[in-house]
Amino acid sequence: MKKIAYSKQAIKTLSKLPVNESSRIRSKLRQYADDPASQANNVRKLQGQSACRLRVGDWRVIFDEDDVVIEVIKVGARGDV
């Protein structure tokens, strides 16, 4: 299992979301941290960057990962990220 670290911008966005949406996004991130294959069809590598995108309904989570840590860079609506 990988550790999940959130940027200030991601924490700010998650705190402004409704509780059910925020907990759903955090849950999907935990699932991905535990078993990346479980969310394989929802994760895509971004072109020209080392970051990846996780799709959670109408929300997108931009993150970068290494062997130990998943660093959440940005959380936003589908059209904004």
PDB file of N, CA and C in Angstrom:
ATOM      1  N   MET A   1       0.829  -1.185   0.000  1.00  0.00           N
ATOM      2  CA  MET A   1       0.000   0.000   0.000  1.00  0.00           C
ATOM      3  C   MET A   1       0.871   1.245   0.000  1.00  0.00           C
ATOM      4  N   LYS A   2       0.518   2.181  -0.858  1.00  0.00           N
ATOM      5  CA  LYS A   2       1.258   3.431  -0.947  1.00  0.00           C
ATOM      6  C   LYS A   2       0.624   4.481  -0.056  1.00  0.00           C
ATOM      7  N   LYS A   3       1.449   5.424   0.375  1.00  0.00           N
ATOM      8  CA  LYS A   3       0.975   6.542   1.175  1.00  0.00           C
ATOM      9  C   LYS A   3       0.411   7.607   0.224  1.00  0.00           C
ATOM     10  N   ILE A   4      -0.636   8.319   0.656  1.00  0.00           N
ATOM     11  CA  ILE A   4      -1.246   9.359  -0.161  1.00  0.00           C
ATOM     12  C   ILE A   4      -0.955  10.712   0.466  1.00  0.00           C
ATOM     13  N   ALA A   5      -0.367  11.623  -0.324  1.00  0.00           N
ATOM     14  CA  ALA A   5      -0.079  12.981   0.135  1.00  0.00           C
ATOM     15  C   ALA A   5      -0.861  13.956  -0.736  1.00  0.00           C
ATOM     16  N   TYR A   6      -1.484  14.941  -0.099  1.00  0.00           N
ATOM     17  CA  TYR A   6      -2.316  15.920  -0.803  1.00  0.00           C
ATOM     18  C   TYR A   6      -1.621  17.274  -0.837  1.00  0.00           C
ATOM     19  N   SER A   7      -1.696  17.970  -1.976  1.00  0.00           N
ATOM     20  CA  SER A   7      -1.194  19.335  -2.065  1.00  0.00           C
ATOM     21  C   SER A   7      -2.181  20.272  -1.385  1.00  0.00           C
ATOM     22  N   LYS A   8      -1.759  21.506  -1.095  1.00  0.00           N
ATOM     23  CA  LYS A   8      -2.647  22.479  -0.460  1.00  0.00           C
ATOM     24  C   LYS A   8      -3.863  22.747  -1.346  1.00  0.00           C
ATOM     25  N   GLN A   9      -3.638  22.828  -2.643  1.00  0.00           N
ATOM     26  CA  GLN A   9      -4.733  23.089  -3.575  1.00  0.00           C
ATOM     27  C   GLN A   9      -5.753  21.948  -3.573  1.00  0.00           C
ATOM     28  N   ALA A  10      -5.279  20.709  -3.520  1.00  0.00           N
ATOM     29  CA  ALA A  10      -6.173  19.555  -3.499  1.00  0.00           C
ATOM     30  C   ALA A  10      -6.978  19.511  -2.207  1.00  0.00           C
ATOM     31  N   ILE A  11      -6.347  19.808  -1.077  1.00  0.00           N
ATOM     32  CA  ILE A  11      -7.050  19.827   0.211  1.00  0.00           C
ATOM     33  C   ILE A  11      -8.133  20.909   0.213  1.00  0.00           C
ATOM     34  N   LYS A  12      -7.807  22.063  -0.340  1.00  0.00           N
ATOM     35  CA  LYS A  12      -8.761  23.172  -0.396  1.00  0.00           C
ATOM     36  C   LYS A  12      -9.977  22.793  -1.243  1.00  0.00           C
ATOM     37  N   THR A  13      -9.742  22.176  -2.390  1.00  0.00           N
ATOM     38  CA  THR A  13     -10.836  21.762  -3.259  1.00  0.00           C
ATOM     39  C   THR A  13     -11.689  20.688  -2.601  1.00  0.00           C
ATOM     40  N   LEU A  14     -11.050  19.687  -1.996  1.00  0.00           N
ATOM     41  CA  LEU A  14     -11.799  18.616  -1.336  1.00  0.00           C
ATOM     42  C   LEU A  14     -12.629  19.136  -0.164  1.00  0.00           C
ATOM     43  N   SER A  15     -12.130  20.153   0.538  1.00  0.00           N
ATOM     44  CA  SER A  15     -12.881  20.688   1.673  1.00  0.00           C
ATOM     45  C   SER A  15     -14.113  21.469   1.227  1.00  0.00           C
ATOM     46  N   LYS A  16     -14.094  22.009   0.011  1.00  0.00           N
ATOM     47  CA  LYS A  16     -15.233  22.763  -0.508  1.00  0.00           C
ATOM     48  C   LYS A  16     -16.298  21.871  -1.136  1.00  0.00           C
ATOM     49  N   LEU A  17     -15.947  20.639  -1.452  1.00  0.00           N
ATOM     50  CA  LEU A  17     -16.904  19.715  -2.065  1.00  0.00           C
ATOM     51  C   LEU A  17     -17.910  19.206  -1.041  1.00  0.00           C
ATOM     52  N   PRO A  18     -19.078  18.744  -1.511  1.00  0.00           N
ATOM     53  CA  PRO A  18     -20.002  18.072  -0.587  1.00  0.00           C
ATOM     54  C   PRO A  18     -19.327  16.842   0.025  1.00  0.00           C
ATOM     55  N   VAL A  19     -19.715  16.497   1.227  1.00  0.00           N
ATOM     56  CA  VAL A  19     -19.059  15.429   1.977  1.00  0.00           C
ATOM     57  C   VAL A  19     -19.091  14.105   1.216  1.00  0.00           C
ATOM     58  N   ASN A  20     -20.218  13.785   0.578  1.00  0.00           N
ATOM     59  CA  ASN A  20     -20.296  12.501  -0.129  1.00  0.00           C
ATOM     60  C   ASN A  20     -19.348  12.448  -1.323  1.00  0.00           C
ATOM     61  N   GLU A  21     -19.182  13.557  -2.044  1.00  0.00           N
ATOM     62  CA  GLU A  21     -18.255  13.581  -3.179  1.00  0.00           C
ATOM     63  C   GLU A  21     -16.811  13.495  -2.702  1.00  0.00           C
ATOM     64  N   SER A  22     -16.479  14.236  -1.659  1.00  0.00           N
ATOM     65  CA  SER A  22     -15.128  14.228  -1.117  1.00  0.00           C
ATOM     66  C   SER A  22     -14.743  12.834  -0.616  1.00  0.00           C
ATOM     67  N   SER A  23     -15.651  12.184   0.111  1.00  0.00           N
ATOM     68  CA  SER A  23     -15.343  10.847   0.632  1.00  0.00           C
ATOM     69  C   SER A  23     -15.250   9.826  -0.501  1.00  0.00           C
ATOM     70  N   ARG A  24     -16.043  10.007  -1.553  1.00  0.00           N
ATOM     71  CA  ARG A  24     -15.966   9.106  -2.712  1.00  0.00           C
ATOM     72  C   ARG A  24     -14.609   9.223  -3.412  1.00  0.00           C
ATOM     73  N   ILE A  25     -14.128  10.449  -3.576  1.00  0.00           N
ATOM     74  CA  ILE A  25     -12.817  10.669  -4.204  1.00  0.00           C
ATOM     75  C   ILE A  25     -11.706  10.071  -3.347  1.00  0.00           C
ATOM     76  N   ARG A  26     -11.760  10.310  -2.047  1.00  0.00           N
ATOM     77  CA  ARG A  26     -10.735   9.756  -1.145  1.00  0.00           C
ATOM     78  C   ARG A  26     -10.778   8.224  -1.139  1.00  0.00           C
ATOM     79  N   SER A  27     -11.970   7.665  -1.209  1.00  0.00           N
ATOM     80  CA  SER A  27     -12.120   6.215  -1.239  1.00  0.00           C
ATOM     81  C   SER A  27     -11.490   5.616  -2.494  1.00  0.00           C
ATOM     82  N   LYS A  28     -11.724   6.243  -3.638  1.00  0.00           N
ATOM     83  CA  LYS A  28     -11.141   5.749  -4.893  1.00  0.00           C
ATOM     84  C   LYS A  28      -9.615   5.856  -4.864  1.00  0.00           C
ATOM     85  N   LEU A  29      -9.098   6.918  -4.260  1.00  0.00           N
ATOM     86  CA  LEU A  29      -7.646   7.045  -4.132  1.00  0.00           C
ATOM     87  C   LEU A  29      -7.083   5.949  -3.238  1.00  0.00           C
ATOM     88  N   ARG A  30      -7.777   5.639  -2.130  1.00  0.00           N
ATOM     89  CA  ARG A  30      -7.325   4.557  -1.248  1.00  0.00           C
ATOM     90  C   ARG A  30      -7.356   3.215  -1.972  1.00  0.00           C
ATOM     91  N   GLN A  31      -8.405   2.978  -2.754  1.00  0.00           N
ATOM     92  CA  GLN A  31      -8.488   1.734  -3.525  1.00  0.00           C
ATOM     93  C   GLN A  31      -7.314   1.631  -4.487  1.00  0.00           C
ATOM     94  N   TYR A  32      -6.990   2.740  -5.157  1.00  0.00           N
ATOM     95  CA  TYR A  32      -5.872   2.741  -6.089  1.00  0.00           C
ATOM     96  C   TYR A  32      -4.548   2.524  -5.357  1.00  0.00           C
ATOM     97  N   ALA A  33      -4.397   3.117  -4.192  1.00  0.00           N
ATOM     98  CA  ALA A  33      -3.163   2.943  -3.413  1.00  0.00           C
ATOM     99  C   ALA A  33      -2.999   1.499  -2.962  1.00  0.00           C
ATOM    100  N   ASP A  34      -4.107   0.847  -2.585  1.00  0.00           N
ATOM    101  CA  ASP A  34      -4.054  -0.548  -2.151  1.00  0.00           C
ATOM    102  C   ASP A  34      -3.789  -1.500  -3.307  1.00  0.00           C
ATOM    103  N   ASP A  35      -4.490  -1.297  -4.414  1.00  0.00           N
ATOM    104  CA  ASP A  35      -4.390  -2.192  -5.560  1.00  0.00           C
ATOM    105  C   ASP A  35      -4.577  -1.401  -6.855  1.00  0.00           C
ATOM    106  N   PRO A  36      -3.495  -0.979  -7.506  1.00  0.00           N
ATOM    107  CA  PRO A  36      -3.613  -0.178  -8.724  1.00  0.00           C
ATOM    108  C   PRO A  36      -4.419  -0.860  -9.837  1.00  0.00           C
ATOM    109  N   ALA A  37      -4.441  -2.166  -9.868  1.00  0.00           N
ATOM    110  CA  ALA A  37      -5.189  -2.869 -10.915  1.00  0.00           C
ATOM    111  C   ALA A  37      -6.697  -2.690 -10.754  1.00  0.00           C
ATOM    112  N   SER A  38      -7.167  -2.392  -9.539  1.00  0.00           N
ATOM    113  CA  SER A  38      -8.598  -2.236  -9.313  1.00  0.00           C
ATOM    114  C   SER A  38      -9.165  -0.998 -10.007  1.00  0.00           C
ATOM    115  N   GLN A  39      -8.354   0.006 -10.237  1.00  0.00           N
ATOM    116  CA  GLN A  39      -8.785   1.237 -10.899  1.00  0.00           C
ATOM    117  C   GLN A  39      -8.098   1.431 -12.247  1.00  0.00           C
ATOM    118  N   ALA A  40      -7.609   0.346 -12.837  1.00  0.00           N
ATOM    119  CA  ALA A  40      -6.804   0.441 -14.058  1.00  0.00           C
ATOM    120  C   ALA A  40      -7.535   1.115 -15.211  1.00  0.00           C
ATOM    121  N   ASN A  41      -8.839   0.875 -15.363  1.00  0.00           N
ATOM    122  CA  ASN A  41      -9.543   1.484 -16.484  1.00  0.00           C
ATOM    123  C   ASN A  41      -9.944   2.932 -16.200  1.00  0.00           C
ATOM    124  N   ASN A  42      -9.730   3.443 -15.000  1.00  0.00           N
ATOM    125  CA  ASN A  42     -10.038   4.831 -14.661  1.00  0.00           C
ATOM    126  C   ASN A  42      -8.792   5.709 -14.569  1.00  0.00           C
ATOM    127  N   VAL A  43      -7.611   5.137 -14.757  1.00  0.00           N
ATOM    128  CA  VAL A  43      -6.366   5.889 -14.639  1.00  0.00           C
ATOM    129  C   VAL A  43      -5.695   5.975 -16.006  1.00  0.00           C
ATOM    130  N   ARG A  44      -5.309   7.191 -16.374  1.00  0.00           N
ATOM    131  CA  ARG A  44      -4.609   7.404 -17.631  1.00  0.00           C
ATOM    132  C   ARG A  44      -3.378   8.268 -17.381  1.00  0.00           C
ATOM    133  N   LYS A  45      -2.313   7.990 -18.108  1.00  0.00           N
ATOM    134  CA  LYS A  45      -1.098   8.794 -18.050  1.00  0.00           C
ATOM    135  C   LYS A  45      -1.332  10.043 -18.889  1.00  0.00           C
ATOM    136  N   LEU A  46      -0.933  11.201 -18.376  1.00  0.00           N
ATOM    137  CA  LEU A  46      -1.102  12.446 -19.118  1.00  0.00           C
ATOM    138  C   LEU A  46       0.010  12.602 -20.143  1.00  0.00           C
ATOM    139  N   GLN A  47      -0.353  13.076 -21.315  1.00  0.00           N
ATOM    140  CA  GLN A  47       0.624  13.229 -22.386  1.00  0.00           C
ATOM    141  C   GLN A  47       1.606  14.351 -22.048  1.00  0.00           C
ATOM    142  N   GLY A  48       2.882  14.089 -22.253  1.00  0.00           N
ATOM    143  CA  GLY A  48       3.914  15.083 -22.059  1.00  0.00           C
ATOM    144  C   GLY A  48       4.233  15.386 -20.606  1.00  0.00           C
ATOM    145  N   GLN A  49       3.674  14.608 -19.670  1.00  0.00           N
ATOM    146  CA  GLN A  49       3.921  14.821 -18.251  1.00  0.00           C
ATOM    147  C   GLN A  49       4.153  13.479 -17.579  1.00  0.00           C
ATOM    148  N   SER A  50       4.682  13.529 -16.364  1.00  0.00           N
ATOM    149  CA  SER A  50       4.858  12.282 -15.622  1.00  0.00           C
ATOM    150  C   SER A  50       3.629  11.969 -14.774  1.00  0.00           C
ATOM    151  N   ALA A  51       2.667  12.895 -14.730  1.00  0.00           N
ATOM    152  CA  ALA A  51       1.482  12.737 -13.889  1.00  0.00           C
ATOM    153  C   ALA A  51       0.436  11.834 -14.545  1.00  0.00           C
ATOM    154  N   CYS A  52      -0.521  11.396 -13.718  1.00  0.00           N
ATOM    155  CA  CYS A  52      -1.628  10.559 -14.181  1.00  0.00           C
ATOM    156  C   CYS A  52      -2.941  11.199 -13.760  1.00  0.00           C
ATOM    157  N   ARG A  53      -4.027  10.723 -14.360  1.00  0.00           N
ATOM    158  CA  ARG A  53      -5.356  11.212 -14.047  1.00  0.00           C
ATOM    159  C   ARG A  53      -6.220  10.054 -13.585  1.00  0.00           C
ATOM    160  N   LEU A  54      -6.966  10.264 -12.508  1.00  0.00           N
ATOM    161  CA  LEU A  54      -7.926   9.285 -12.006  1.00  0.00           C
ATOM    162  C   LEU A  54      -9.318   9.857 -12.214  1.00  0.00           C
ATOM    163  N   ARG A  55     -10.194   9.095 -12.843  1.00  0.00           N
ATOM    164  CA  ARG A  55     -11.559   9.529 -13.108  1.00  0.00           C
ATOM    165  C   ARG A  55     -12.466   9.020 -11.991  1.00  0.00           C
ATOM    166  N   VAL A  56     -13.202   9.938 -11.360  1.00  0.00           N
ATOM    167  CA  VAL A  56     -14.167   9.586 -10.313  1.00  0.00           C
ATOM    168  C   VAL A  56     -15.460  10.326 -10.656  1.00  0.00           C
ATOM    169  N   GLY A  57     -16.336   9.695 -11.430  1.00  0.00           N
ATOM    170  CA  GLY A  57     -17.568  10.344 -11.864  1.00  0.00           C
ATOM    171  C   GLY A  57     -17.262  11.566 -12.703  1.00  0.00           C
ATOM    172  N   ASP A  58     -17.788  12.720 -12.306  1.00  0.00           N
ATOM    173  CA  ASP A  58     -17.533  13.973 -13.025  1.00  0.00           C
ATOM    174  C   ASP A  58     -16.298  14.698 -12.511  1.00  0.00           C
ATOM    175  N   TRP A  59     -15.556  14.078 -11.610  1.00  0.00           N
ATOM    176  CA  TRP A  59     -14.364  14.689 -11.023  1.00  0.00           C
ATOM    177  C   TRP A  59     -13.114  14.010 -11.544  1.00  0.00           C
ATOM    178  N   ARG A  60     -12.029  14.773 -11.613  1.00  0.00           N
ATOM    179  CA  ARG A  60     -10.741  14.251 -12.038  1.00  0.00           C
ATOM    180  C   ARG A  60      -9.703  14.574 -10.972  1.00  0.00           C
ATOM    181  N   VAL A  61      -8.824  13.601 -10.730  1.00  0.00           N
ATOM    182  CA  VAL A  61      -7.756  13.761  -9.749  1.00  0.00           C
ATOM    183  C   VAL A  61      -6.434  13.620 -10.504  1.00  0.00           C
ATOM    184  N   ILE A  62      -5.628  14.653 -10.474  1.00  0.00           N
ATOM    185  CA  ILE A  62      -4.308  14.628 -11.106  1.00  0.00           C
ATOM    186  C   ILE A  62      -3.300  14.280 -10.017  1.00  0.00           C
ATOM    187  N   PHE A  63      -2.513  13.244 -10.267  1.00  0.00           N
ATOM    188  CA  PHE A  63      -1.553  12.811  -9.252  1.00  0.00           C
ATOM    189  C   PHE A  63      -0.280  12.320  -9.904  1.00  0.00           C
ATOM    190  N   ASP A  64       0.763  12.305  -9.110  1.00  0.00           N
ATOM    191  CA  ASP A  64       2.062  11.777  -9.515  1.00  0.00           C
ATOM    192  C   ASP A  64       2.421  10.707  -8.496  1.00  0.00           C
ATOM    193  N   GLU A  65       3.027   9.634  -8.950  1.00  0.00           N
ATOM    194  CA  GLU A  65       3.334   8.553  -8.018  1.00  0.00           C
ATOM    195  C   GLU A  65       4.739   8.018  -8.230  1.00  0.00           C
ATOM    196  N   ASP A  66       5.295   7.503  -7.146  1.00  0.00           N
ATOM    197  CA  ASP A  66       6.531   6.746  -7.220  1.00  0.00           C
ATOM    198  C   ASP A  66       6.286   5.438  -6.476  1.00  0.00           C
ATOM    199  N   ASP A  67       7.332   4.761  -6.050  1.00  0.00           N
ATOM    200  CA  ASP A  67       7.170   3.449  -5.420  1.00  0.00           C
ATOM    201  C   ASP A  67       6.501   3.506  -4.048  1.00  0.00           C
ATOM    202  N   VAL A  68       6.564   4.654  -3.379  1.00  0.00           N
ATOM    203  CA  VAL A  68       6.092   4.740  -2.004  1.00  0.00           C
ATOM    204  C   VAL A  68       4.910   5.697  -1.824  1.00  0.00           C
ATOM    205  N   VAL A  69       4.891   6.798  -2.569  1.00  0.00           N
ATOM    206  CA  VAL A  69       3.922   7.872  -2.318  1.00  0.00           C
ATOM    207  C   VAL A  69       3.118   8.204  -3.576  1.00  0.00           C
ATOM    208  N   ILE A  70       1.821   8.437  -3.370  1.00  0.00           N
ATOM    209  CA  ILE A  70       0.969   9.013  -4.410  1.00  0.00           C
ATOM    210  C   ILE A  70       0.743  10.455  -3.997  1.00  0.00           C
ATOM    211  N   GLU A  71       1.232  11.400  -4.802  1.00  0.00           N
ATOM    212  CA  GLU A  71       1.101  12.815  -4.482  1.00  0.00           C
ATOM    213  C   GLU A  71      -0.038  13.407  -5.308  1.00  0.00           C
ATOM    214  N   VAL A  72      -1.137  13.760  -4.642  1.00  0.00           N
ATOM    215  CA  VAL A  72      -2.297  14.342  -5.313  1.00  0.00           C
ATOM    216  C   VAL A  72      -2.003  15.812  -5.564  1.00  0.00           C
ATOM    217  N   ILE A  73      -1.969  16.200  -6.837  1.00  0.00           N
ATOM    218  CA  ILE A  73      -1.616  17.544  -7.218  1.00  0.00           C
ATOM    219  C   ILE A  73      -2.844  18.438  -7.304  1.00  0.00           C
ATOM    220  N   LYS A  74      -3.900  17.924  -7.960  1.00  0.00           N
ATOM    221  CA  LYS A  74      -5.065  18.754  -8.215  1.00  0.00           C
ATOM    222  C   LYS A  74      -6.318  17.904  -8.278  1.00  0.00           C
ATOM    223  N   VAL A  75      -7.424  18.438  -7.783  1.00  0.00           N
ATOM    224  CA  VAL A  75      -8.736  17.804  -7.879  1.00  0.00           C
ATOM    225  C   VAL A  75      -9.655  18.842  -8.512  1.00  0.00           C
ATOM    226  N   GLY A  76     -10.389  18.428  -9.542  1.00  0.00           N
ATOM    227  CA  GLY A  76     -11.274  19.396 -10.178  1.00  0.00           C
ATOM    228  C   GLY A  76     -12.363  18.735 -10.992  1.00  0.00           C
ATOM    229  N   ALA A  77     -13.295  19.545 -11.443  1.00  0.00           N
ATOM    230  CA  ALA A  77     -14.374  19.065 -12.286  1.00  0.00           C
ATOM    231  C   ALA A  77     -13.818  18.627 -13.634  1.00  0.00           C
ATOM    232  N   ARG A  78     -14.561  17.796 -14.314  1.00  0.00           N
ATOM    233  CA  ARG A  78     -14.118  17.183 -15.548  1.00  0.00           C
ATOM    234  C   ARG A  78     -13.610  18.189 -16.574  1.00  0.00           C
ATOM    235  N   GLY A  79     -14.294  19.268 -16.793  1.00  0.00           N
ATOM    236  CA  GLY A  79     -13.890  20.247 -17.802  1.00  0.00           C
ATOM    237  C   GLY A  79     -12.799  21.200 -17.368  1.00  0.00           C
ATOM    238  N   ASP A  80     -12.541  21.293 -16.070  1.00  0.00           N
ATOM    239  CA  ASP A  80     -11.591  22.283 -15.563  1.00  0.00           C
ATOM    240  C   ASP A  80     -10.172  21.766 -15.428  1.00  0.00           C
ATOM    241  N   VAL A  81     -10.009  20.462 -15.360  1.00  0.00           N
ATOM    242  CA  VAL A  81      -8.672  19.922 -15.076  1.00  0.00           C
ATOM    243  C   VAL A  81      -7.930  19.654 -16.331  1.00  0.00           C
TER     244      VAL A  81
END
